[in-house]
């Protein structure tokens, strides 16, 4: 049972706002065998080392290298730019965007002027490209941001934007092959109905579904309520049912 009063700061341009959130008691409605800490990125006990400092869910390790081998035969050196991301790391990204320390972008990837946005506009702008801490699929170790390392050997900068994976982009061939090889990994954000399309983001078909099925709205509520350092919390709570359906419950994905 969780209850309490939490205050979160919304630092918007030249003014400061104190936002209060009250979380009602609720029962946890998830399978205790799928630990809350694993679902929300608060532990790394489910991970193994991958390569180049990356980590992955232990049940996804072999399949990653099966796919890597398949792509290697096509002269693609698939590597992970980002795999597991802890709750703390996701919160840093989220809070820094809330405070204007990181660039906010619209749905087309264009930079937004932080000082021209109000608190609610900042909240929705963050959600264009970033997950609420505790809800990122990267917490599970089943999801990776991948690229073709062979195209970045001369100091080119990987930006993880869709144009790199389309047309004449350096990762276009990788993206094309990922469309053809979907038995082990798939890309959950292709339709743009939740987060914007991310051609670099792939997810393990079987294991990510197990996590998604266990991630109930009660897990979401508990994750938010337990963190007094999470900014824009009142906007999460106000929209929590909508947020769960749009960004977390990716049914069929």
Foldseek 3Di string as FASTA:
>chain_A
DDWDKFWFWQAAAPDIDIDIDTDDDDDDDFDVVCPLCLLQQVDCPQWDDAPPRAIAGPVLRVVVVVVCVVVVVVVFRKDFPYAADHLVRLLVVQVCLSNVVDFFADLQRHTDDRNVDDNVRSVVSCQQAGDQRRQDLSSNRFKTQMAGVVLCPPPDDDDQDCVLCDDPHRRVVVLVVQVVDPPFKHALACVCQAHHGGSRMIGGDPPSVVSLVRCDLSSVSVVLSVDSHRHPSNVCVVCVVVNCVRHRNSPPD
